[in-house]
Amino acid sequence: MIDPNFWTDEKLGECSIQERLLFMGLISNADDEGYGRANPKLLKSLIFPYDDLRASDLEKWLSQLGGLHIVVLFQYDGQTYYYLPNFSKHQTINKPTKSTFPHIEDERCRTTTVILR
């Protein structure tokens, strides 16, 4: 369930409707620790399956969310991932499963605000 405060969050208020919808999709597709893959083509297929969008649209929106620090984008072994620092604020997990994604604390991860291919 999305926290009702989501709708009045001032940082999200700086985002376009598409960026807010993407953020909601990131929340619902994240694992139990708030991590997920940030591949724009994958996210397009998961969050916007019926919309005529380009991967570059999602790259731009992800970069905007990263620039506002509501999503942390990072690279590990040539792949881009996301982490939602306030994930537990938006989701309650009753029986959490340990993440299988790399964590931003790993010294091999490189944070970025721009999606790199």
PDB file of N, CA and C in Angstrom:
ATOM      1  N   MET A   1       0.836  -1.178   0.000  1.00  0.00           N
ATOM      2  CA  MET A   1       0.000   0.000   0.000  1.00  0.00           C
ATOM      3  C   MET A   1       0.885   1.247   0.000  1.00  0.00           C
ATOM      4  N   ILE A   2       0.505   2.228  -0.769  1.00  0.00           N
ATOM      5  CA  ILE A   2       1.234   3.486  -0.831  1.00  0.00           C
ATOM      6  C   ILE A   2       0.804   4.372   0.331  1.00  0.00           C
ATOM      7  N   ASP A   3       1.775   4.923   1.045  1.00  0.00           N
ATOM      8  CA  ASP A   3       1.509   5.840   2.141  1.00  0.00           C
ATOM      9  C   ASP A   3       0.752   7.058   1.597  1.00  0.00           C
ATOM     10  N   PRO A   4      -0.339   7.481   2.233  1.00  0.00           N
ATOM     11  CA  PRO A   4      -1.080   8.659   1.762  1.00  0.00           C
ATOM     12  C   PRO A   4      -0.220   9.921   1.658  1.00  0.00           C
ATOM     13  N   ASN A   5       0.853  10.011   2.437  1.00  0.00           N
ATOM     14  CA  ASN A   5       1.747  11.164   2.366  1.00  0.00           C
ATOM     15  C   ASN A   5       2.511  11.232   1.045  1.00  0.00           C
ATOM     16  N   PHE A   6       2.507  10.140   0.296  1.00  0.00           N
ATOM     17  CA  PHE A   6       3.140  10.096  -1.019  1.00  0.00           C
ATOM     18  C   PHE A   6       2.636  11.252  -1.877  1.00  0.00           C
ATOM     19  N   TRP A   7       1.344  11.509  -1.824  1.00  0.00           N
ATOM     20  CA  TRP A   7       0.704  12.478  -2.710  1.00  0.00           C
ATOM     21  C   TRP A   7       1.068  13.914  -2.391  1.00  0.00           C
ATOM     22  N   THR A   8       1.541  14.177  -1.167  1.00  0.00           N
ATOM     23  CA  THR A   8       1.880  15.546  -0.786  1.00  0.00           C
ATOM     24  C   THR A   8       3.368  15.739  -0.541  1.00  0.00           C
ATOM     25  N   ASP A   9       4.175  14.745  -0.863  1.00  0.00           N
ATOM     26  CA  ASP A   9       5.619  14.852  -0.692  1.00  0.00           C
ATOM     27  C   ASP A   9       6.156  15.978  -1.577  1.00  0.00           C
ATOM     28  N   GLU A  10       6.889  16.910  -0.982  1.00  0.00           N
ATOM     29  CA  GLU A  10       7.356  18.089  -1.716  1.00  0.00           C
ATOM     30  C   GLU A  10       8.373  17.754  -2.801  1.00  0.00           C
ATOM     31  N   LYS A  11       9.247  16.774  -2.552  1.00  0.00           N
ATOM     32  CA  LYS A  11      10.200  16.384  -3.595  1.00  0.00           C
ATOM     33  C   LYS A  11       9.470  15.784  -4.786  1.00  0.00           C
ATOM     34  N   LEU A  12       8.501  14.921  -4.522  1.00  0.00           N
ATOM     35  CA  LEU A  12       7.734  14.337  -5.619  1.00  0.00           C
ATOM     36  C   LEU A  12       6.890  15.388  -6.324  1.00  0.00           C
ATOM     37  N   GLY A  13       6.539  16.445  -5.611  1.00  0.00           N
ATOM     38  CA  GLY A  13       5.788  17.533  -6.216  1.00  0.00           C
ATOM     39  C   GLY A  13       6.582  18.254  -7.299  1.00  0.00           C
ATOM     40  N   GLU A  14       7.904  18.105  -7.287  1.00  0.00           N
ATOM     41  CA  GLU A  14       8.761  18.695  -8.323  1.00  0.00           C
ATOM     42  C   GLU A  14       8.821  17.827  -9.573  1.00  0.00           C
ATOM     43  N   CYS A  15       8.240  16.641  -9.504  1.00  0.00           N
ATOM     44  CA  CYS A  15       8.321  15.675 -10.603  1.00  0.00           C
ATOM     45  C   CYS A  15       7.101  15.766 -11.512  1.00  0.00           C
ATOM     46  N   SER A  16       7.300  15.317 -12.739  1.00  0.00           N
ATOM     47  CA  SER A  16       6.183  15.215 -13.675  1.00  0.00           C
ATOM     48  C   SER A  16       5.291  14.051 -13.250  1.00  0.00           C
ATOM     49  N   ILE A  17       4.120  13.983 -13.847  1.00  0.00           N
ATOM     50  CA  ILE A  17       3.212  12.873 -13.576  1.00  0.00           C
ATOM     51  C   ILE A  17       3.881  11.544 -13.934  1.00  0.00           C
ATOM     52  N   GLN A  18       4.587  11.507 -15.057  1.00  0.00           N
ATOM     53  CA  GLN A  18       5.254  10.278 -15.485  1.00  0.00           C
ATOM     54  C   GLN A  18       6.340   9.860 -14.489  1.00  0.00           C
ATOM     55  N   GLU A  19       7.086  10.833 -13.969  1.00  0.00           N
ATOM     56  CA  GLU A  19       8.136  10.524 -12.998  1.00  0.00           C
ATOM     57  C   GLU A  19       7.532   9.993 -11.700  1.00  0.00           C
ATOM     58  N   ARG A  20       6.413  10.559 -11.285  1.00  0.00           N
ATOM     59  CA  ARG A  20       5.746  10.063 -10.067  1.00  0.00           C
ATOM     60  C   ARG A  20       5.212   8.652 -10.291  1.00  0.00           C
ATOM     61  N   LEU A  21       4.662   8.392 -11.471  1.00  0.00           N
ATOM     62  CA  LEU A  21       4.168   7.051 -11.771  1.00  0.00           C
ATOM     63  C   LEU A  21       5.327   6.052 -11.831  1.00  0.00           C
ATOM     64  N   LEU A  22       6.442   6.461 -12.415  1.00  0.00           N
ATOM     65  CA  LEU A  22       7.624   5.609 -12.430  1.00  0.00           C
ATOM     66  C   LEU A  22       8.081   5.302 -11.006  1.00  0.00           C
ATOM     67  N   PHE A  23       8.108   6.317 -10.153  1.00  0.00           N
ATOM     68  CA  PHE A  23       8.524   6.110  -8.766  1.00  0.00           C
ATOM     69  C   PHE A  23       7.607   5.110  -8.069  1.00  0.00           C
ATOM     70  N   MET A  24       6.301   5.238  -8.292  1.00  0.00           N
ATOM     71  CA  MET A  24       5.350   4.282  -7.717  1.00  0.00           C
ATOM     72  C   MET A  24       5.641   2.875  -8.222  1.00  0.00           C
ATOM     73  N   GLY A  25       5.963   2.769  -9.523  1.00  0.00           N
ATOM     74  CA  GLY A  25       6.314   1.471 -10.100  1.00  0.00           C
ATOM     75  C   GLY A  25       7.597   0.905  -9.525  1.00  0.00           C
ATOM     76  N   LEU A  26       8.568   1.778  -9.252  1.00  0.00           N
ATOM     77  CA  LEU A  26       9.817   1.312  -8.628  1.00  0.00           C
ATOM     78  C   LEU A  26       9.531   0.744  -7.242  1.00  0.00           C
ATOM     79  N   ILE A  27       8.655   1.412  -6.512  1.00  0.00           N
ATOM     80  CA  ILE A  27       8.287   0.916  -5.175  1.00  0.00           C
ATOM     81  C   ILE A  27       7.661  -0.468  -5.283  1.00  0.00           C
ATOM     82  N   SER A  28       6.704  -0.622  -6.201  1.00  0.00           N
ATOM     83  CA  SER A  28       5.993  -1.897  -6.275  1.00  0.00           C
ATOM     84  C   SER A  28       6.836  -3.023  -6.887  1.00  0.00           C
ATOM     85  N   ASN A  29       7.908  -2.683  -7.600  1.00  0.00           N
ATOM     86  CA  ASN A  29       8.767  -3.707  -8.199  1.00  0.00           C
ATOM     87  C   ASN A  29      10.048  -3.959  -7.412  1.00  0.00           C
ATOM     88  N   ALA A  30      10.290  -3.188  -6.383  1.00  0.00           N
ATOM     89  CA  ALA A  30      11.500  -3.373  -5.570  1.00  0.00           C
ATOM     90  C   ALA A  30      11.400  -4.653  -4.752  1.00  0.00           C
ATOM     91  N   ASP A  31      12.561  -5.183  -4.397  1.00  0.00           N
ATOM     92  CA  ASP A  31      12.550  -6.343  -3.508  1.00  0.00           C
ATOM     93  C   ASP A  31      12.241  -5.875  -2.085  1.00  0.00           C
ATOM     94  N   ASP A  32      12.297  -6.769  -1.133  1.00  0.00           N
ATOM     95  CA  ASP A  32      11.886  -6.446   0.234  1.00  0.00           C
ATOM     96  C   ASP A  32      12.812  -5.477   0.957  1.00  0.00           C
ATOM     97  N   GLU A  33      13.969  -5.167   0.367  1.00  0.00           N
ATOM     98  CA  GLU A  33      14.886  -4.206   0.971  1.00  0.00           C
ATOM     99  C   GLU A  33      14.927  -2.893   0.191  1.00  0.00           C
ATOM    100  N   GLY A  34      14.120  -2.791  -0.865  1.00  0.00           N
ATOM    101  CA  GLY A  34      14.059  -1.551  -1.634  1.00  0.00           C
ATOM    102  C   GLY A  34      15.033  -1.475  -2.796  1.00  0.00           C
ATOM    103  N   TYR A  35      15.530  -2.616  -3.252  1.00  0.00           N
ATOM    104  CA  TYR A  35      16.470  -2.671  -4.385  1.00  0.00           C
ATOM    105  C   TYR A  35      15.788  -3.231  -5.620  1.00  0.00           C
ATOM    106  N   GLY A  36      16.283  -2.815  -6.791  1.00  0.00           N
ATOM    107  CA  GLY A  36      15.767  -3.359  -8.043  1.00  0.00           C
ATOM    108  C   GLY A  36      16.674  -3.021  -9.207  1.00  0.00           C
ATOM    109  N   ARG A  37      16.404  -3.631 -10.353  1.00  0.00           N
ATOM    110  CA  ARG A  37      17.154  -3.355 -11.582  1.00  0.00           C
ATOM    111  C   ARG A  37      16.650  -2.058 -12.182  1.00  0.00           C
ATOM    112  N   ALA A  38      17.553  -1.220 -12.665  1.00  0.00           N
ATOM    113  CA  ALA A  38      17.190   0.079 -13.230  1.00  0.00           C
ATOM    114  C   ALA A  38      17.390   0.115 -14.740  1.00  0.00           C
ATOM    115  N   ASN A  39      17.325  -1.021 -15.386  1.00  0.00           N
ATOM    116  CA  ASN A  39      17.427  -1.061 -16.840  1.00  0.00           C
ATOM    117  C   ASN A  39      16.157  -0.430 -17.416  1.00  0.00           C
ATOM    118  N   PRO A  40      16.282   0.669 -18.156  1.00  0.00           N
ATOM    119  CA  PRO A  40      15.095   1.358 -18.677  1.00  0.00           C
ATOM    120  C   PRO A  40      14.169   0.478 -19.513  1.00  0.00           C
ATOM    121  N   LYS A  41      14.717  -0.418 -20.323  1.00  0.00           N
ATOM    122  CA  LYS A  41      13.871  -1.295 -21.142  1.00  0.00           C
ATOM    123  C   LYS A  41      13.083  -2.264 -20.262  1.00  0.00           C
ATOM    124  N   LEU A  42      13.726  -2.789 -19.236  1.00  0.00           N
ATOM    125  CA  LEU A  42      13.038  -3.681 -18.305  1.00  0.00           C
ATOM    126  C   LEU A  42      11.936  -2.928 -17.561  1.00  0.00           C
ATOM    127  N   LEU A  43      12.263  -1.743 -17.057  1.00  0.00           N
ATOM    128  CA  LEU A  43      11.277  -0.961 -16.314  1.00  0.00           C
ATOM    129  C   LEU A  43      10.098  -0.562 -17.199  1.00  0.00           C
ATOM    130  N   LYS A  44      10.374  -0.251 -18.454  1.00  0.00           N
ATOM    131  CA  LYS A  44       9.297   0.084 -19.386  1.00  0.00           C
ATOM    132  C   LYS A  44       8.349  -1.101 -19.525  1.00  0.00           C
ATOM    133  N   SER A  45       8.912  -2.313 -19.647  1.00  0.00           N
ATOM    134  CA  SER A  45       8.070  -3.499 -19.820  1.00  0.00           C
ATOM    135  C   SER A  45       7.279  -3.836 -18.556  1.00  0.00           C
ATOM    136  N   LEU A  46       7.820  -3.526 -17.394  1.00  0.00           N
ATOM    137  CA  LEU A  46       7.152  -3.828 -16.131  1.00  0.00           C
ATOM    138  C   LEU A  46       6.123  -2.775 -15.722  1.00  0.00           C
ATOM    139  N   ILE A  47       6.455  -1.510 -15.930  1.00  0.00           N
ATOM    140  CA  ILE A  47       5.646  -0.416 -15.384  1.00  0.00           C
ATOM    141  C   ILE A  47       4.752   0.234 -16.438  1.00  0.00           C
ATOM    142  N   PHE A  48       5.222   0.274 -17.673  1.00  0.00           N
ATOM    143  CA  PHE A  48       4.483   0.933 -18.748  1.00  0.00           C
ATOM    144  C   PHE A  48       4.277  -0.017 -19.941  1.00  0.00           C
ATOM    145  N   PRO A  49       3.732  -1.215 -19.724  1.00  0.00           N
ATOM    146  CA  PRO A  49       3.680  -2.192 -20.817  1.00  0.00           C
ATOM    147  C   PRO A  49       2.803  -1.782 -22.001  1.00  0.00           C
ATOM    148  N   TYR A  50       1.834  -0.928 -21.789  1.00  0.00           N
ATOM    149  CA  TYR A  50       0.907  -0.559 -22.857  1.00  0.00           C
ATOM    150  C   TYR A  50       1.176   0.818 -23.445  1.00  0.00           C
ATOM    151  N   ASP A  51       2.227   1.469 -22.964  1.00  0.00           N
ATOM    152  CA  ASP A  51       2.500   2.834 -23.391  1.00  0.00           C
ATOM    153  C   ASP A  51       3.613   2.878 -24.428  1.00  0.00           C
ATOM    154  N   ASP A  52       3.463   3.795 -25.350  1.00  0.00           N
ATOM    155  CA  ASP A  52       4.449   3.983 -26.406  1.00  0.00           C
ATOM    156  C   ASP A  52       5.524   4.947 -25.903  1.00  0.00           C
ATOM    157  N   LEU A  53       6.484   4.392 -25.208  1.00  0.00           N
ATOM    158  CA  LEU A  53       7.576   5.179 -24.618  1.00  0.00           C
ATOM    159  C   LEU A  53       8.905   4.663 -25.132  1.00  0.00           C
ATOM    160  N   ARG A  54       9.903   5.520 -25.067  1.00  0.00           N
ATOM    161  CA  ARG A  54      11.265   5.128 -25.428  1.00  0.00           C
ATOM    162  C   ARG A  54      12.072   4.909 -24.142  1.00  0.00           C
ATOM    163  N   ALA A  55      13.090   4.094 -24.247  1.00  0.00           N
ATOM    164  CA  ALA A  55      13.979   3.877 -23.104  1.00  0.00           C
ATOM    165  C   ALA A  55      14.583   5.197 -22.646  1.00  0.00           C
ATOM    166  N   SER A  56      14.828   6.105 -23.587  1.00  0.00           N
ATOM    167  CA  SER A  56      15.407   7.408 -23.224  1.00  0.00           C
ATOM    168  C   SER A  56      14.459   8.224 -22.349  1.00  0.00           C
ATOM    169  N   ASP A  57      13.132   8.011 -22.493  1.00  0.00           N
ATOM    170  CA  ASP A  57      12.176   8.679 -21.607  1.00  0.00           C
ATOM    171  C   ASP A  57      12.396   8.219 -20.167  1.00  0.00           C
ATOM    172  N   LEU A  58      12.508   6.904 -19.990  1.00  0.00           N
ATOM    173  CA  LEU A  58      12.709   6.363 -18.648  1.00  0.00           C
ATOM    174  C   LEU A  58      14.067   6.758 -18.088  1.00  0.00           C
ATOM    175  N   GLU A  59      15.089   6.817 -18.929  1.00  0.00           N
ATOM    176  CA  GLU A  59      16.411   7.263 -18.474  1.00  0.00           C
ATOM    177  C   GLU A  59      16.313   8.674 -17.901  1.00  0.00           C
ATOM    178  N   LYS A  60      15.614   9.548 -18.599  1.00  0.00           N
ATOM    179  CA  LYS A  60      15.445  10.928 -18.152  1.00  0.00           C
ATOM    180  C   LYS A  60      14.699  10.978 -16.824  1.00  0.00           C
ATOM    181  N   TRP A  61      13.629  10.217 -16.723  1.00  0.00           N
ATOM    182  CA  TRP A  61      12.833  10.220 -15.494  1.00  0.00           C
ATOM    183  C   TRP A  61      13.614   9.642 -14.317  1.00  0.00           C
ATOM    184  N   LEU A  62      14.358   8.562 -14.564  1.00  0.00           N
ATOM    185  CA  LEU A  62      15.191   7.984 -13.509  1.00  0.00           C
ATOM    186  C   LEU A  62      16.242   8.985 -13.040  1.00  0.00           C
ATOM    187  N   SER A  63      16.843   9.692 -13.988  1.00  0.00           N
ATOM    188  CA  SER A  63      17.853  10.690 -13.641  1.00  0.00           C
ATOM    189  C   SER A  63      17.253  11.802 -12.785  1.00  0.00           C
ATOM    190  N   GLN A  64      16.031  12.209 -13.110  1.00  0.00           N
ATOM    191  CA  GLN A  64      15.354  13.234 -12.313  1.00  0.00           C
ATOM    192  C   GLN A  64      15.118  12.729 -10.887  1.00  0.00           C
ATOM    193  N   LEU A  65      14.626  11.521 -10.749  1.00  0.00           N
ATOM    194  CA  LEU A  65      14.387  10.950  -9.418  1.00  0.00           C
ATOM    195  C   LEU A  65      15.700  10.795  -8.656  1.00  0.00           C
ATOM    196  N   GLY A  66      16.750  10.401  -9.356  1.00  0.00           N
ATOM    197  CA  GLY A  66      18.069  10.282  -8.727  1.00  0.00           C
ATOM    198  C   GLY A  66      18.602  11.634  -8.289  1.00  0.00           C
ATOM    199  N   GLY A  67      18.392  12.651  -9.117  1.00  0.00           N
ATOM    200  CA  GLY A  67      18.847  13.998  -8.781  1.00  0.00           C
ATOM    201  C   GLY A  67      18.155  14.570  -7.554  1.00  0.00           C
ATOM    202  N   LEU A  68      16.938  14.112  -7.292  1.00  0.00           N
ATOM    203  CA  LEU A  68      16.205  14.552  -6.100  1.00  0.00           C
ATOM    204  C   LEU A  68      16.526  13.698  -4.877  1.00  0.00           C
ATOM    205  N   HIS A  69      17.356  12.674  -5.074  1.00  0.00           N
ATOM    206  CA  HIS A  69      17.804  11.772  -4.003  1.00  0.00           C
ATOM    207  C   HIS A  69      16.666  10.966  -3.385  1.00  0.00           C
ATOM    208  N   ILE A  70      15.609  10.727  -4.155  1.00  0.00           N
ATOM    209  CA  ILE A  70      14.559   9.832  -3.670  1.00  0.00           C
ATOM    210  C   ILE A  70      14.774   8.426  -4.216  1.00  0.00           C
ATOM    211  N   VAL A  71      15.661   8.328  -5.196  1.00  0.00           N
ATOM    212  CA  VAL A  71      16.120   7.054  -5.736  1.00  0.00           C
ATOM    213  C   VAL A  71      17.629   7.154  -5.838  1.00  0.00           C
ATOM    214  N   VAL A  72      18.323   6.130  -5.372  1.00  0.00           N
ATOM    215  CA  VAL A  72      19.779   6.072  -5.538  1.00  0.00           C
ATOM    216  C   VAL A  72      20.050   5.114  -6.686  1.00  0.00           C
ATOM    217  N   LEU A  73      20.693   5.623  -7.722  1.00  0.00           N
ATOM    218  CA  LEU A  73      21.060   4.806  -8.868  1.00  0.00           C
ATOM    219  C   LEU A  73      22.527   4.425  -8.728  1.00  0.00           C
ATOM    220  N   PHE A  74      22.827   3.169  -8.990  1.00  0.00           N
ATOM    221  CA  PHE A  74      24.218   2.746  -8.889  1.00  0.00           C
ATOM    222  C   PHE A  74      24.505   1.639  -9.881  1.00  0.00           C
ATOM    223  N   GLN A  75      25.785   1.521 -10.191  1.00  0.00           N
ATOM    224  CA  GLN A  75      26.221   0.484 -11.116  1.00  0.00           C
ATOM    225  C   GLN A  75      27.057  -0.545 -10.388  1.00  0.00           C
ATOM    226  N   TYR A  76      26.861  -1.777 -10.823  1.00  0.00           N
ATOM    227  CA  TYR A  76      27.625  -2.893 -10.288  1.00  0.00           C
ATOM    228  C   TYR A  76      27.823  -3.878 -11.431  1.00  0.00           C
ATOM    229  N   ASP A  77      29.054  -4.198 -11.721  1.00  0.00           N
ATOM    230  CA  ASP A  77      29.385  -5.182 -12.744  1.00  0.00           C
ATOM    231  C   ASP A  77      28.689  -4.871 -14.078  1.00  0.00           C
ATOM    232  N   GLY A  78      28.682  -3.588 -14.450  1.00  0.00           N
ATOM    233  CA  GLY A  78      28.145  -3.182 -15.743  1.00  0.00           C
ATOM    234  C   GLY A  78      26.631  -3.055 -15.826  1.00  0.00           C
ATOM    235  N   GLN A  79      25.933  -3.294 -14.730  1.00  0.00           N
ATOM    236  CA  GLN A  79      24.486  -3.171 -14.731  1.00  0.00           C
ATOM    237  C   GLN A  79      24.068  -2.065 -13.766  1.00  0.00           C
ATOM    238  N   THR A  80      22.955  -1.417 -14.086  1.00  0.00           N
ATOM    239  CA  THR A  80      22.465  -0.331 -13.249  1.00  0.00           C
ATOM    240  C   THR A  80      21.315  -0.824 -12.378  1.00  0.00           C
ATOM    241  N   TYR A  81      21.365  -0.432 -11.125  1.00  0.00           N
ATOM    242  CA  TYR A  81      20.364  -0.811 -10.133  1.00  0.00           C
ATOM    243  C   TYR A  81      19.828   0.443  -9.461  1.00  0.00           C
ATOM    244  N   TYR A  82      18.733   0.275  -8.734  1.00  0.00           N
ATOM    245  CA  TYR A  82      18.223   1.378  -7.928  1.00  0.00           C
ATOM    246  C   TYR A  82      18.020   0.914  -6.499  1.00  0.00           C
ATOM    247  N   TYR A  83      18.066   1.875  -5.612  1.00  0.00           N
ATOM    248  CA  TYR A  83      17.781   1.659  -4.196  1.00  0.00           C
ATOM    249  C   TYR A  83      16.869   2.785  -3.752  1.00  0.00           C
ATOM    250  N   LEU A  84      15.843   2.437  -2.999  1.00  0.00           N
ATOM    251  CA  LEU A  84      14.896   3.422  -2.482  1.00  0.00           C
ATOM    252  C   LEU A  84      15.185   3.634  -1.000  1.00  0.00           C
ATOM    253  N   PRO A  85      15.868   4.738  -0.658  1.00  0.00           N
ATOM    254  CA  PRO A  85      16.280   4.948   0.738  1.00  0.00           C
ATOM    255  C   PRO A  85      15.117   4.998   1.728  1.00  0.00           C
ATOM    256  N   ASN A  86      13.950   5.455   1.293  1.00  0.00           N
ATOM    257  CA  ASN A  86      12.798   5.539   2.195  1.00  0.00           C
ATOM    258  C   ASN A  86      11.767   4.454   1.900  1.00  0.00           C
ATOM    259  N   PHE A  87      12.232   3.314   1.408  1.00  0.00           N
ATOM    260  CA  PHE A  87      11.338   2.233   1.012  1.00  0.00           C
ATOM    261  C   PHE A  87      10.393   1.829   2.135  1.00  0.00           C
ATOM    262  N   SER A  88      10.928   1.669   3.338  1.00  0.00           N
ATOM    263  CA  SER A  88      10.093   1.220   4.455  1.00  0.00           C
ATOM    264  C   SER A  88       9.026   2.251   4.826  1.00  0.00           C
ATOM    265  N   LYS A  89       9.212   3.487   4.372  1.00  0.00           N
ATOM    266  CA  LYS A  89       8.211   4.533   4.597  1.00  0.00           C
ATOM    267  C   LYS A  89       6.985   4.287   3.713  1.00  0.00           C
ATOM    268  N   HIS A  90       7.192   3.631   2.577  1.00  0.00           N
ATOM    269  CA  HIS A  90       6.113   3.412   1.619  1.00  0.00           C
ATOM    270  C   HIS A  90       5.558   1.987   1.643  1.00  0.00           C
ATOM    271  N   GLN A  91       6.333   1.043   2.148  1.00  0.00           N
ATOM    272  CA  GLN A  91       5.921  -0.351   2.130  1.00  0.00           C
ATOM    273  C   GLN A  91       6.166  -0.992   3.490  1.00  0.00           C
ATOM    274  N   THR A  92       5.282  -1.878   3.876  1.00  0.00           N
ATOM    275  CA  THR A  92       5.453  -2.678   5.075  1.00  0.00           C
ATOM    276  C   THR A  92       5.564  -4.134   4.638  1.00  0.00           C
ATOM    277  N   ILE A  93       6.661  -4.763   5.001  1.00  0.00           N
ATOM    278  CA  ILE A  93       6.915  -6.154   4.621  1.00  0.00           C
ATOM    279  C   ILE A  93       6.767  -7.018   5.862  1.00  0.00           C
ATOM    280  N   ASN A  94       5.826  -7.955   5.831  1.00  0.00           N
ATOM    281  CA  ASN A  94       5.578  -8.805   6.997  1.00  0.00           C
ATOM    282  C   ASN A  94       6.625  -9.897   7.170  1.00  0.00           C
ATOM    283  N   LYS A  95       7.012 -10.537   6.084  1.00  0.00           N
ATOM    284  CA  LYS A  95       8.015 -11.596   6.140  1.00  0.00           C
ATOM    285  C   LYS A  95       9.088 -11.282   5.109  1.00  0.00           C
ATOM    286  N   PRO A  96      10.020 -10.364   5.454  1.00  0.00           N
ATOM    287  CA  PRO A  96      11.008  -9.915   4.466  1.00  0.00           C
ATOM    288  C   PRO A  96      11.958 -11.027   4.013  1.00  0.00           C
ATOM    289  N   THR A  97      12.279 -10.960   2.719  1.00  0.00           N
ATOM    290  CA  THR A  97      13.256 -11.858   2.114  1.00  0.00           C
ATOM    291  C   THR A  97      14.517 -11.048   1.843  1.00  0.00           C
ATOM    292  N   LYS A  98      15.668 -11.615   2.154  1.00  0.00           N
ATOM    293  CA  LYS A  98      16.944 -10.936   1.938  1.00  0.00           C
ATOM    294  C   LYS A  98      17.131 -10.647   0.447  1.00  0.00           C
ATOM    295  N   SER A  99      17.621  -9.457   0.149  1.00  0.00           N
ATOM    296  CA  SER A  99      17.847  -9.024  -1.226  1.00  0.00           C
ATOM    297  C   SER A  99      18.940  -9.855  -1.891  1.00  0.00           C
ATOM    298  N   THR A 100      18.761 -10.126  -3.166  1.00  0.00           N
ATOM    299  CA  THR A 100      19.792 -10.810  -3.955  1.00  0.00           C
ATOM    300  C   THR A 100      20.567  -9.822  -4.820  1.00  0.00           C
ATOM    301  N   PHE A 101      20.162  -8.541  -4.789  1.00  0.00           N
ATOM    302  CA  PHE A 101      20.837  -7.503  -5.562  1.00  0.00           C
ATOM    303  C   PHE A 101      22.057  -6.984  -4.805  1.00  0.00           C
ATOM    304  N   PRO A 102      23.035  -6.446  -5.532  1.00  0.00           N
ATOM    305  CA  PRO A 102      24.159  -5.807  -4.843  1.00  0.00           C
ATOM    306  C   PRO A 102      23.647  -4.624  -4.024  1.00  0.00           C
ATOM    307  N   HIS A 103      24.344  -4.329  -2.941  1.00  0.00           N
ATOM    308  CA  HIS A 103      23.953  -3.220  -2.073  1.00  0.00           C
ATOM    309  C   HIS A 103      24.879  -2.026  -2.304  1.00  0.00           C
ATOM    310  N   ILE A 104      24.344  -0.846  -2.110  1.00  0.00           N
ATOM    311  CA  ILE A 104      25.126   0.363  -2.368  1.00  0.00           C
ATOM    312  C   ILE A 104      26.333   0.472  -1.444  1.00  0.00           C
ATOM    313  N   GLU A 105      26.314  -0.237  -0.330  1.00  0.00           N
ATOM    314  CA  GLU A 105      27.451  -0.192   0.590  1.00  0.00           C
ATOM    315  C   GLU A 105      28.663  -0.953   0.046  1.00  0.00           C
ATOM    316  N   ASP A 106      28.435  -1.833  -0.919  1.00  0.00           N
ATOM    317  CA  ASP A 106      29.517  -2.611  -1.510  1.00  0.00           C
ATOM    318  C   ASP A 106      30.491  -1.658  -2.191  1.00  0.00           C
ATOM    319  N   GLU A 107      31.764  -1.776  -1.870  1.00  0.00           N
ATOM    320  CA  GLU A 107      32.771  -0.852  -2.415  1.00  0.00           C
ATOM    321  C   GLU A 107      32.909  -0.955  -3.930  1.00  0.00           C
ATOM    322  N   ARG A 108      32.391  -2.020  -4.530  1.00  0.00           N
ATOM    323  CA  ARG A 108      32.463  -2.166  -5.990  1.00  0.00           C
ATOM    324  C   ARG A 108      31.322  -1.434  -6.702  1.00  0.00           C
ATOM    325  N   CYS A 109      30.366  -0.891  -5.935  1.00  0.00           N
ATOM    326  CA  CYS A 109      29.252  -0.154  -6.524  1.00  0.00           C
ATOM    327  C   CYS A 109      29.646   1.299  -6.723  1.00  0.00           C
ATOM    328  N   ARG A 110      29.155   1.851  -7.814  1.00  0.00           N
ATOM    329  CA  ARG A 110      29.426   3.250  -8.135  1.00  0.00           C
ATOM    330  C   ARG A 110      28.085   3.936  -8.296  1.00  0.00           C
ATOM    331  N   THR A 111      27.805   4.932  -7.428  1.00  0.00           N
ATOM    332  CA  THR A 111      26.542   5.647  -7.533  1.00  0.00           C
ATOM    333  C   THR A 111      26.597   6.623  -8.696  1.00  0.00           C
ATOM    334  N   THR A 112      25.436   6.868  -9.258  1.00  0.00           N
ATOM    335  CA  THR A 112      25.325   7.760 -10.407  1.00  0.00           C
ATOM    336  C   THR A 112      23.957   8.407 -10.386  1.00  0.00           C
ATOM    337  N   THR A 113      23.831   9.577 -10.960  1.00  0.00           N
ATOM    338  CA  THR A 113      22.516  10.188 -11.106  1.00  0.00           C
ATOM    339  C   THR A 113      22.070  10.105 -12.560  1.00  0.00           C
ATOM    340  N   VAL A 114      22.906   9.572 -13.409  1.00  0.00           N
ATOM    341  CA  VAL A 114      22.588   9.431 -14.826  1.00  0.00           C
ATOM    342  C   VAL A 114      22.675   7.955 -15.188  1.00  0.00           C
ATOM    343  N   ILE A 115      21.694   7.475 -15.898  1.00  0.00           N
ATOM    344  CA  ILE A 115      21.718   6.077 -16.336  1.00  0.00           C
ATOM    345  C   ILE A 115      22.758   5.938 -17.442  1.00  0.00           C
ATOM    346  N   LEU A 116      23.661   5.020 -17.252  1.00  0.00           N
ATOM    347  CA  LEU A 116      24.695   4.759 -18.243  1.00  0.00           C
ATOM    348  C   LEU A 116      24.455   3.383 -18.850  1.00  0.00           C
ATOM    349  N   ARG A 117      24.668   3.262 -20.124  1.00  0.00           N
ATOM    350  CA  ARG A 117      24.496   1.953 -20.760  1.00  0.00           C
ATOM    351  C   ARG A 117      25.802   1.227 -20.828  1.00  0.00           C
TER     352      ARG A 117
END
